[in-house]
């Protein structure tokens, strides 16, 4: 199984941390992340991930893809949504 994690709209966001990559890789999952995310690429490689040059590469080669997406203000800031997590 190949999991891909694509950067958010700005590269300061990441849908997966190196610690999460390490746990996935330890369970036998192949992990691919886009270059230039919020964390250092070397940290991802040390955790067991491969680095992709583009989101298109991830979309075309992975079985599962996660991406950070800015959520609508009315959903993110309503107290009724806390502490639930919003997945997009």
PDB file of N, CA and C in Angstrom:
ATOM      1  N   UNK A   1       0.854  -1.168   0.000  1.00  0.00           N
ATOM      2  CA  UNK A   1       0.000   0.000   0.000  1.00  0.00           C
ATOM      3  C   UNK A   1       0.900   1.232   0.000  1.00  0.00           C
ATOM      4  N   UNK A   2       0.550   2.189  -0.834  1.00  0.00           N
ATOM      5  CA  UNK A   2       1.329   3.417  -0.984  1.00  0.00           C
ATOM      6  C   UNK A   2       0.485   4.616  -0.591  1.00  0.00           C
ATOM      7  N   UNK A   3       0.916   5.331   0.446  1.00  0.00           N
ATOM      8  CA  UNK A   3       0.215   6.527   0.922  1.00  0.00           C
ATOM      9  C   UNK A   3       0.975   7.755   0.462  1.00  0.00           C
ATOM     10  N   UNK A   4       0.254   8.740  -0.071  1.00  0.00           N
ATOM     11  CA  UNK A   4       0.864   9.995  -0.497  1.00  0.00           C
ATOM     12  C   UNK A   4       0.309  11.158   0.287  1.00  0.00           C
ATOM     13  N   UNK A   5       1.165  12.083   0.648  1.00  0.00           N
ATOM     14  CA  UNK A   5       0.768  13.270   1.398  1.00  0.00           C
ATOM     15  C   UNK A   5       1.215  14.501   0.626  1.00  0.00           C
ATOM     16  N   UNK A   6       0.235  15.322   0.253  1.00  0.00           N
ATOM     17  CA  UNK A   6       0.469  16.495  -0.587  1.00  0.00           C
ATOM     18  C   UNK A   6       0.447  17.741   0.298  1.00  0.00           C
ATOM     19  N   UNK A   7       1.348  18.691   0.017  1.00  0.00           N
ATOM     20  CA  UNK A   7       1.382  19.953   0.763  1.00  0.00           C
ATOM     21  C   UNK A   7       0.081  20.709   0.611  1.00  0.00           C
ATOM     22  N   UNK A   8      -0.156  21.604   1.565  1.00  0.00           N
ATOM     23  CA  UNK A   8      -1.305  22.498   1.472  1.00  0.00           C
ATOM     24  C   UNK A   8      -1.060  23.561   0.424  1.00  0.00           C
ATOM     25  N   UNK A   9      -1.995  24.509   0.327  1.00  0.00           N
ATOM     26  CA  UNK A   9      -1.890  25.573  -0.668  1.00  0.00           C
ATOM     27  C   UNK A   9      -0.594  26.347  -0.489  1.00  0.00           C
ATOM     28  N   UNK A  10      -0.281  26.686   0.773  1.00  0.00           N
ATOM     29  CA  UNK A  10       1.042  27.258   1.026  1.00  0.00           C
ATOM     30  C   UNK A  10       1.889  26.139   1.623  1.00  0.00           C
ATOM     31  N   UNK A  11       3.146  26.142   1.360  1.00  0.00           N
ATOM     32  CA  UNK A  11       3.998  25.034   1.767  1.00  0.00           C
ATOM     33  C   UNK A  11       4.283  24.981   3.257  1.00  0.00           C
ATOM     34  N   UNK A  12       3.642  25.864   4.036  1.00  0.00           N
ATOM     35  CA  UNK A  12       3.841  25.834   5.479  1.00  0.00           C
ATOM     36  C   UNK A  12       2.938  24.797   6.136  1.00  0.00           C
ATOM     37  N   UNK A  13       2.114  24.149   5.362  1.00  0.00           N
ATOM     38  CA  UNK A  13       1.199  23.149   5.894  1.00  0.00           C
ATOM     39  C   UNK A  13       1.583  21.771   5.382  1.00  0.00           C
ATOM     40  N   UNK A  14       1.419  20.793   6.235  1.00  0.00           N
ATOM     41  CA  UNK A  14       1.711  19.426   5.842  1.00  0.00           C
ATOM     42  C   UNK A  14       0.639  18.516   6.410  1.00  0.00           C
ATOM     43  N   UNK A  15       0.238  17.535   5.640  1.00  0.00           N
ATOM     44  CA  UNK A  15      -0.801  16.618   6.107  1.00  0.00           C
ATOM     45  C   UNK A  15      -0.238  15.449   6.896  1.00  0.00           C
ATOM     46  N   UNK A  16       1.083  15.398   7.052  1.00  0.00           N
ATOM     47  CA  UNK A  16       1.706  14.292   7.781  1.00  0.00           C
ATOM     48  C   UNK A  16       3.061  14.735   8.319  1.00  0.00           C
ATOM     49  N   UNK A  17       3.334  14.437   9.571  1.00  0.00           N
ATOM     50  CA  UNK A  17       4.629  14.792  10.165  1.00  0.00           C
ATOM     51  C   UNK A  17       5.619  13.638   9.977  1.00  0.00           C
ATOM     52  N   UNK A  18       6.912  13.897  10.144  1.00  0.00           N
ATOM     53  CA  UNK A  18       7.887  12.810  10.074  1.00  0.00           C
ATOM     54  C   UNK A  18       7.612  11.706  11.099  1.00  0.00           C
ATOM     55  N   UNK A  19       7.116  12.056  12.280  1.00  0.00           N
ATOM     56  CA  UNK A  19       6.791  11.036  13.291  1.00  0.00           C
ATOM     57  C   UNK A  19       5.678  10.120  12.791  1.00  0.00           C
ATOM     58  N   UNK A  20       4.679  10.697  12.117  1.00  0.00           N
ATOM     59  CA  UNK A  20       3.592   9.886  11.559  1.00  0.00           C
ATOM     60  C   UNK A  20       4.101   9.013  10.416  1.00  0.00           C
ATOM     61  N   UNK A  21       5.003   9.559   9.609  1.00  0.00           N
ATOM     62  CA  UNK A  21       5.614   8.780   8.526  1.00  0.00           C
ATOM     63  C   UNK A  21       6.334   7.574   9.108  1.00  0.00           C
ATOM     64  N   UNK A  22       7.068   7.789  10.177  1.00  0.00           N
ATOM     65  CA  UNK A  22       7.812   6.715  10.815  1.00  0.00           C
ATOM     66  C   UNK A  22       6.887   5.582  11.267  1.00  0.00           C
ATOM     67  N   UNK A  23       5.760   5.937  11.866  1.00  0.00           N
ATOM     68  CA  UNK A  23       4.799   4.911  12.309  1.00  0.00           C
ATOM     69  C   UNK A  23       4.200   4.161  11.125  1.00  0.00           C
ATOM     70  N   UNK A  24       3.856   4.877  10.072  1.00  0.00           N
ATOM     71  CA  UNK A  24       3.307   4.222   8.885  1.00  0.00           C
ATOM     72  C   UNK A  24       4.333   3.295   8.241  1.00  0.00           C
ATOM     73  N   UNK A  25       5.553   3.792   8.097  1.00  0.00           N
ATOM     74  CA  UNK A  25       6.622   2.995   7.470  1.00  0.00           C
ATOM     75  C   UNK A  25       6.913   1.742   8.298  1.00  0.00           C
ATOM     76  N   UNK A  26       6.869   1.865   9.617  1.00  0.00           N
ATOM     77  CA  UNK A  26       7.128   0.717  10.495  1.00  0.00           C
ATOM     78  C   UNK A  26       6.057  -0.361  10.343  1.00  0.00           C
ATOM     79  N   UNK A  27       4.869   0.052   9.913  1.00  0.00           N
ATOM     80  CA  UNK A  27       3.793  -0.921   9.721  1.00  0.00           C
ATOM     81  C   UNK A  27       3.755  -1.466   8.292  1.00  0.00           C
ATOM     82  N   UNK A  28       4.759  -1.101   7.483  1.00  0.00           N
ATOM     83  CA  UNK A  28       4.860  -1.660   6.144  1.00  0.00           C
ATOM     84  C   UNK A  28       4.250  -0.823   5.043  1.00  0.00           C
ATOM     85  N   UNK A  29       3.818   0.392   5.352  1.00  0.00           N
ATOM     86  CA  UNK A  29       3.228   1.273   4.348  1.00  0.00           C
ATOM     87  C   UNK A  29       4.338   2.065   3.663  1.00  0.00           C
ATOM     88  N   UNK A  30       4.270   2.143   2.335  1.00  0.00           N
ATOM     89  CA  UNK A  30       5.181   3.000   1.580  1.00  0.00           C
ATOM     90  C   UNK A  30       4.616   4.409   1.646  1.00  0.00           C
ATOM     91  N   UNK A  31       5.422   5.376   2.043  1.00  0.00           N
ATOM     92  CA  UNK A  31       4.951   6.756   2.212  1.00  0.00           C
ATOM     93  C   UNK A  31       5.699   7.674   1.259  1.00  0.00           C
ATOM     94  N   UNK A  32       4.934   8.549   0.594  1.00  0.00           N
ATOM     95  CA  UNK A  32       5.505   9.525  -0.330  1.00  0.00           C
ATOM     96  C   UNK A  32       4.967  10.900   0.060  1.00  0.00           C
ATOM     97  N   UNK A  33       5.839  11.891   0.171  1.00  0.00           N
ATOM     98  CA  UNK A  33       5.424  13.261   0.486  1.00  0.00           C
ATOM     99  C   UNK A  33       5.973  14.212  -0.563  1.00  0.00           C
ATOM    100  N   UNK A  34       5.282  15.329  -0.760  1.00  0.00           N
ATOM    101  CA  UNK A  34       5.774  16.303  -1.736  1.00  0.00           C
ATOM    102  C   UNK A  34       6.942  17.093  -1.159  1.00  0.00           C
ATOM    103  N   UNK A  35       7.855  17.414  -2.026  1.00  0.00           N
ATOM    104  CA  UNK A  35       9.054  18.177  -1.664  1.00  0.00           C
ATOM    105  C   UNK A  35       8.651  19.557  -1.128  1.00  0.00           C
ATOM    106  N   UNK A  36       9.397  20.036  -0.115  1.00  0.00           N
ATOM    107  CA  UNK A  36       9.222  21.404   0.362  1.00  0.00           C
ATOM    108  C   UNK A  36       8.040  21.615   1.276  1.00  0.00           C
ATOM    109  N   UNK A  37       7.736  20.650   2.109  1.00  0.00           N
ATOM    110  CA  UNK A  37       6.613  20.810   3.026  1.00  0.00           C
ATOM    111  C   UNK A  37       7.046  21.590   4.259  1.00  0.00           C
ATOM    112  N   UNK A  38       6.211  21.633   5.261  1.00  0.00           N
ATOM    113  CA  UNK A  38       6.503  22.373   6.488  1.00  0.00           C
ATOM    114  C   UNK A  38       7.706  21.797   7.232  1.00  0.00           C
ATOM    115  N   UNK A  39       7.960  20.525   7.037  1.00  0.00           N
ATOM    116  CA  UNK A  39       9.107  19.875   7.673  1.00  0.00           C
ATOM    117  C   UNK A  39      10.235  19.732   6.662  1.00  0.00           C
ATOM    118  N   UNK A  40      11.411  19.497   7.153  1.00  0.00           N
ATOM    119  CA  UNK A  40      12.588  19.325   6.304  1.00  0.00           C
ATOM    120  C   UNK A  40      12.481  18.010   5.528  1.00  0.00           C
ATOM    121  N   UNK A  41      12.800  18.023   4.248  1.00  0.00           N
ATOM    122  CA  UNK A  41      12.748  16.810   3.426  1.00  0.00           C
ATOM    123  C   UNK A  41      13.612  15.687   4.004  1.00  0.00           C
ATOM    124  N   UNK A  42      14.768  16.045   4.552  1.00  0.00           N
ATOM    125  CA  UNK A  42      15.664  15.037   5.131  1.00  0.00           C
ATOM    126  C   UNK A  42      15.004  14.333   6.322  1.00  0.00           C
ATOM    127  N   UNK A  43      14.190  15.068   7.096  1.00  0.00           N
ATOM    128  CA  UNK A  43      13.483  14.442   8.221  1.00  0.00           C
ATOM    129  C   UNK A  43      12.501  13.382   7.724  1.00  0.00           C
ATOM    130  N   UNK A  44      11.833  13.676   6.612  1.00  0.00           N
ATOM    131  CA  UNK A  44      10.914  12.696   6.025  1.00  0.00           C
ATOM    132  C   UNK A  44      11.673  11.467   5.528  1.00  0.00           C
ATOM    133  N   UNK A  45      12.783  11.693   4.857  1.00  0.00           N
ATOM    134  CA  UNK A  45      13.572  10.574   4.334  1.00  0.00           C
ATOM    135  C   UNK A  45      14.086   9.713   5.484  1.00  0.00           C
ATOM    136  N   UNK A  46      14.580  10.354   6.541  1.00  0.00           N
ATOM    137  CA  UNK A  46      15.063   9.610   7.710  1.00  0.00           C
ATOM    138  C   UNK A  46      13.945   8.824   8.388  1.00  0.00           C
ATOM    139  N   UNK A  47      12.716   9.297   8.258  1.00  0.00           N
ATOM    140  CA  UNK A  47      11.567   8.605   8.850  1.00  0.00           C
ATOM    141  C   UNK A  47      11.067   7.464   7.965  1.00  0.00           C
ATOM    142  N   UNK A  48      11.571   7.405   6.716  1.00  0.00           N
ATOM    143  CA  UNK A  48      11.190   6.304   5.833  1.00  0.00           C
ATOM    144  C   UNK A  48      10.361   6.684   4.626  1.00  0.00           C
ATOM    145  N   UNK A  49      10.195   7.975   4.373  1.00  0.00           N
ATOM    146  CA  UNK A  49       9.384   8.423   3.233  1.00  0.00           C
ATOM    147  C   UNK A  49      10.234   8.616   1.984  1.00  0.00           C
ATOM    148  N   UNK A  50       9.553   8.589   0.860  1.00  0.00           N
ATOM    149  CA  UNK A  50      10.150   8.985  -0.410  1.00  0.00           C
ATOM    150  C   UNK A  50       9.661  10.404  -0.685  1.00  0.00           C
ATOM    151  N   UNK A  51      10.445  11.177  -1.409  1.00  0.00           N
ATOM    152  CA  UNK A  51      10.076  12.555  -1.727  1.00  0.00           C
ATOM    153  C   UNK A  51       9.658  12.638  -3.191  1.00  0.00           C
ATOM    154  N   UNK A  52       8.472  13.217  -3.428  1.00  0.00           N
ATOM    155  CA  UNK A  52       7.979  13.410  -4.800  1.00  0.00           C
ATOM    156  C   UNK A  52       8.173  14.877  -5.187  1.00  0.00           C
ATOM    157  N   UNK A  53       8.428  15.107  -6.461  1.00  0.00           N
ATOM    158  CA  UNK A  53       8.627  16.472  -6.937  1.00  0.00           C
ATOM    159  C   UNK A  53       7.330  17.231  -7.149  1.00  0.00           C
ATOM    160  N   UNK A  54       6.207  16.524  -7.256  1.00  0.00           N
ATOM    161  CA  UNK A  54       4.945  17.213  -7.528  1.00  0.00           C
ATOM    162  C   UNK A  54       3.760  16.429  -6.969  1.00  0.00           C
ATOM    163  N   UNK A  55       2.659  17.142  -6.801  1.00  0.00           N
ATOM    164  CA  UNK A  55       1.425  16.496  -6.367  1.00  0.00           C
ATOM    165  C   UNK A  55       0.946  15.512  -7.428  1.00  0.00           C
ATOM    166  N   UNK A  56       1.144  15.842  -8.687  1.00  0.00           N
ATOM    167  CA  UNK A  56       0.717  14.967  -9.779  1.00  0.00           C
ATOM    168  C   UNK A  56       1.388  13.600  -9.682  1.00  0.00           C
ATOM    169  N   UNK A  57       2.661  13.597  -9.293  1.00  0.00           N
ATOM    170  CA  UNK A  57       3.384  12.342  -9.126  1.00  0.00           C
ATOM    171  C   UNK A  57       2.725  11.488  -8.034  1.00  0.00           C
ATOM    172  N   UNK A  58       2.322  12.128  -6.961  1.00  0.00           N
ATOM    173  CA  UNK A  58       1.663  11.399  -5.871  1.00  0.00           C
ATOM    174  C   UNK A  58       0.298  10.886  -6.323  1.00  0.00           C
ATOM    175  N   UNK A  59      -0.495  11.752  -6.959  1.00  0.00           N
ATOM    176  CA  UNK A  59      -1.829  11.335  -7.413  1.00  0.00           C
ATOM    177  C   UNK A  59      -1.763  10.166  -8.391  1.00  0.00           C
ATOM    178  N   UNK A  60      -0.717  10.110  -9.194  1.00  0.00           N
ATOM    179  CA  UNK A  60      -0.653   9.057 -10.204  1.00  0.00           C
ATOM    180  C   UNK A  60      -0.037   7.754  -9.707  1.00  0.00           C
ATOM    181  N   UNK A  61       0.613   7.772  -8.532  1.00  0.00           N
ATOM    182  CA  UNK A  61       1.302   6.556  -8.092  1.00  0.00           C
ATOM    183  C   UNK A  61       0.849   6.004  -6.748  1.00  0.00           C
ATOM    184  N   UNK A  62      -0.011   6.717  -6.027  1.00  0.00           N
ATOM    185  CA  UNK A  62      -0.379   6.284  -4.669  1.00  0.00           C
ATOM    186  C   UNK A  62      -1.794   5.719  -4.593  1.00  0.00           C
ATOM    187  N   UNK A  63      -1.988   4.799  -3.650  1.00  0.00           N
ATOM    188  CA  UNK A  63      -3.300   4.196  -3.423  1.00  0.00           C
ATOM    189  C   UNK A  63      -4.190   5.074  -2.554  1.00  0.00           C
ATOM    190  N   UNK A  64      -3.582   5.867  -1.692  1.00  0.00           N
ATOM    191  CA  UNK A  64      -4.295   6.755  -0.774  1.00  0.00           C
ATOM    192  C   UNK A  64      -3.586   8.091  -0.798  1.00  0.00           C
ATOM    193  N   UNK A  65      -4.341   9.202  -0.886  1.00  0.00           N
ATOM    194  CA  UNK A  65      -3.737  10.534  -0.906  1.00  0.00           C
ATOM    195  C   UNK A  65      -4.456  11.423   0.108  1.00  0.00           C
ATOM    196  N   UNK A  66      -3.670  12.141   0.922  1.00  0.00           N
ATOM    197  CA  UNK A  66      -4.209  13.122   1.864  1.00  0.00           C
ATOM    198  C   UNK A  66      -3.588  14.470   1.549  1.00  0.00           C
ATOM    199  N   UNK A  67      -4.394  15.513   1.690  1.00  0.00           N
ATOM    200  CA  UNK A  67      -3.913  16.856   1.408  1.00  0.00           C
ATOM    201  C   UNK A  67      -4.560  17.819   2.380  1.00  0.00           C
ATOM    202  N   UNK A  68      -3.792  18.790   2.846  1.00  0.00           N
ATOM    203  CA  UNK A  68      -4.341  19.834   3.700  1.00  0.00           C
ATOM    204  C   UNK A  68      -5.109  20.792   2.803  1.00  0.00           C
ATOM    205  N   UNK A  69      -6.304  21.121   3.226  1.00  0.00           N
ATOM    206  CA  UNK A  69      -7.095  22.083   2.478  1.00  0.00           C
ATOM    207  C   UNK A  69      -7.694  23.056   3.477  1.00  0.00           C
ATOM    208  N   UNK A  70      -7.622  24.318   3.152  1.00  0.00           N
ATOM    209  CA  UNK A  70      -8.190  25.325   4.021  1.00  0.00           C
ATOM    210  C   UNK A  70      -9.693  25.084   4.136  1.00  0.00           C
ATOM    211  N   UNK A  71     -10.193  25.032   5.366  1.00  0.00           N
ATOM    212  CA  UNK A  71     -11.628  24.816   5.522  1.00  0.00           C
ATOM    213  C   UNK A  71     -12.369  26.155   5.572  1.00  0.00           C
ATOM    214  N   UNK A  72     -13.646  26.103   5.270  1.00  0.00           N
ATOM    215  CA  UNK A  72     -14.470  27.305   5.251  1.00  0.00           C
ATOM    216  C   UNK A  72     -14.528  27.907   6.647  1.00  0.00           C
ATOM    217  N   UNK A  73     -14.458  29.232   6.735  1.00  0.00           N
ATOM    218  CA  UNK A  73     -14.456  29.911   8.024  1.00  0.00           C
ATOM    219  C   UNK A  73     -15.618  29.489   8.906  1.00  0.00           C
ATOM    220  N   UNK A  74     -16.798  29.388   8.344  1.00  0.00           N
ATOM    221  CA  UNK A  74     -17.959  29.054   9.149  1.00  0.00           C
ATOM    222  C   UNK A  74     -17.861  27.665   9.774  1.00  0.00           C
ATOM    223  N   UNK A  75     -17.075  26.772   9.190  1.00  0.00           N
ATOM    224  CA  UNK A  75     -16.891  25.436   9.763  1.00  0.00           C
ATOM    225  C   UNK A  75     -15.762  25.409  10.772  1.00  0.00           C
ATOM    226  N   UNK A  76     -14.691  26.133  10.509  1.00  0.00           N
ATOM    227  CA  UNK A  76     -13.497  26.042  11.363  1.00  0.00           C
ATOM    228  C   UNK A  76     -13.635  26.796  12.673  1.00  0.00           C
ATOM    229  N   UNK A  77     -14.402  27.831  12.723  1.00  0.00           N
ATOM    230  CA  UNK A  77     -14.419  28.689  13.901  1.00  0.00           C
ATOM    231  C   UNK A  77     -15.677  28.557  14.751  1.00  0.00           C
ATOM    232  N   UNK A  78     -16.564  27.667  14.403  1.00  0.00           N
ATOM    233  CA  UNK A  78     -17.759  27.453  15.225  1.00  0.00           C
ATOM    234  C   UNK A  78     -17.408  26.565  16.405  1.00  0.00           C
ATOM    235  N   UNK A  79     -17.701  26.994  17.623  1.00  0.00           N
ATOM    236  CA  UNK A  79     -17.364  26.192  18.805  1.00  0.00           C
ATOM    237  C   UNK A  79     -17.943  24.778  18.770  1.00  0.00           C
ATOM    238  N   UNK A  80     -19.026  24.572  18.057  1.00  0.00           N
ATOM    239  CA  UNK A  80     -19.644  23.242  18.003  1.00  0.00           C
ATOM    240  C   UNK A  80     -18.710  22.205  17.376  1.00  0.00           C
ATOM    241  N   UNK A  81     -17.722  22.652  16.617  1.00  0.00           N
ATOM    242  CA  UNK A  81     -16.819  21.707  15.957  1.00  0.00           C
ATOM    243  C   UNK A  81     -15.624  21.307  16.813  1.00  0.00           C
ATOM    244  N   UNK A  82     -15.431  21.945  17.934  1.00  0.00           N
ATOM    245  CA  UNK A  82     -14.300  21.603  18.790  1.00  0.00           C
ATOM    246  C   UNK A  82     -14.724  20.553  19.790  1.00  0.00           C
ATOM    247  N   UNK A  83     -13.945  19.545  20.152  1.00  0.00           N
ATOM    248  CA  UNK A  83     -12.590  19.291  19.679  1.00  0.00           C
ATOM    249  C   UNK A  83     -12.536  18.377  18.464  1.00  0.00           C
ATOM    250  N   UNK A  84     -13.636  18.209  17.748  1.00  0.00           N
ATOM    251  CA  UNK A  84     -13.640  17.318  16.578  1.00  0.00           C
ATOM    252  C   UNK A  84     -12.647  17.805  15.535  1.00  0.00           C
ATOM    253  N   UNK A  85     -12.118  16.893  14.780  1.00  0.00           N
ATOM    254  CA  UNK A  85     -11.193  17.229  13.712  1.00  0.00           C
ATOM    255  C   UNK A  85     -11.946  17.298  12.400  1.00  0.00           C
ATOM    256  N   UNK A  86     -11.580  18.241  11.576  1.00  0.00           N
ATOM    257  CA  UNK A  86     -12.208  18.388  10.260  1.00  0.00           C
ATOM    258  C   UNK A  86     -11.260  17.797   9.235  1.00  0.00           C
ATOM    259  N   UNK A  87     -11.741  16.847   8.457  1.00  0.00           N
ATOM    260  CA  UNK A  87     -10.949  16.234   7.398  1.00  0.00           C
ATOM    261  C   UNK A  87     -11.467  16.737   6.071  1.00  0.00           C
ATOM    262  N   UNK A  88     -10.566  17.147   5.189  1.00  0.00           N
ATOM    263  CA  UNK A  88     -11.016  17.560   3.864  1.00  0.00           C
ATOM    264  C   UNK A  88     -10.143  16.965   2.800  1.00  0.00           C
TER     265      UNK A  88
END
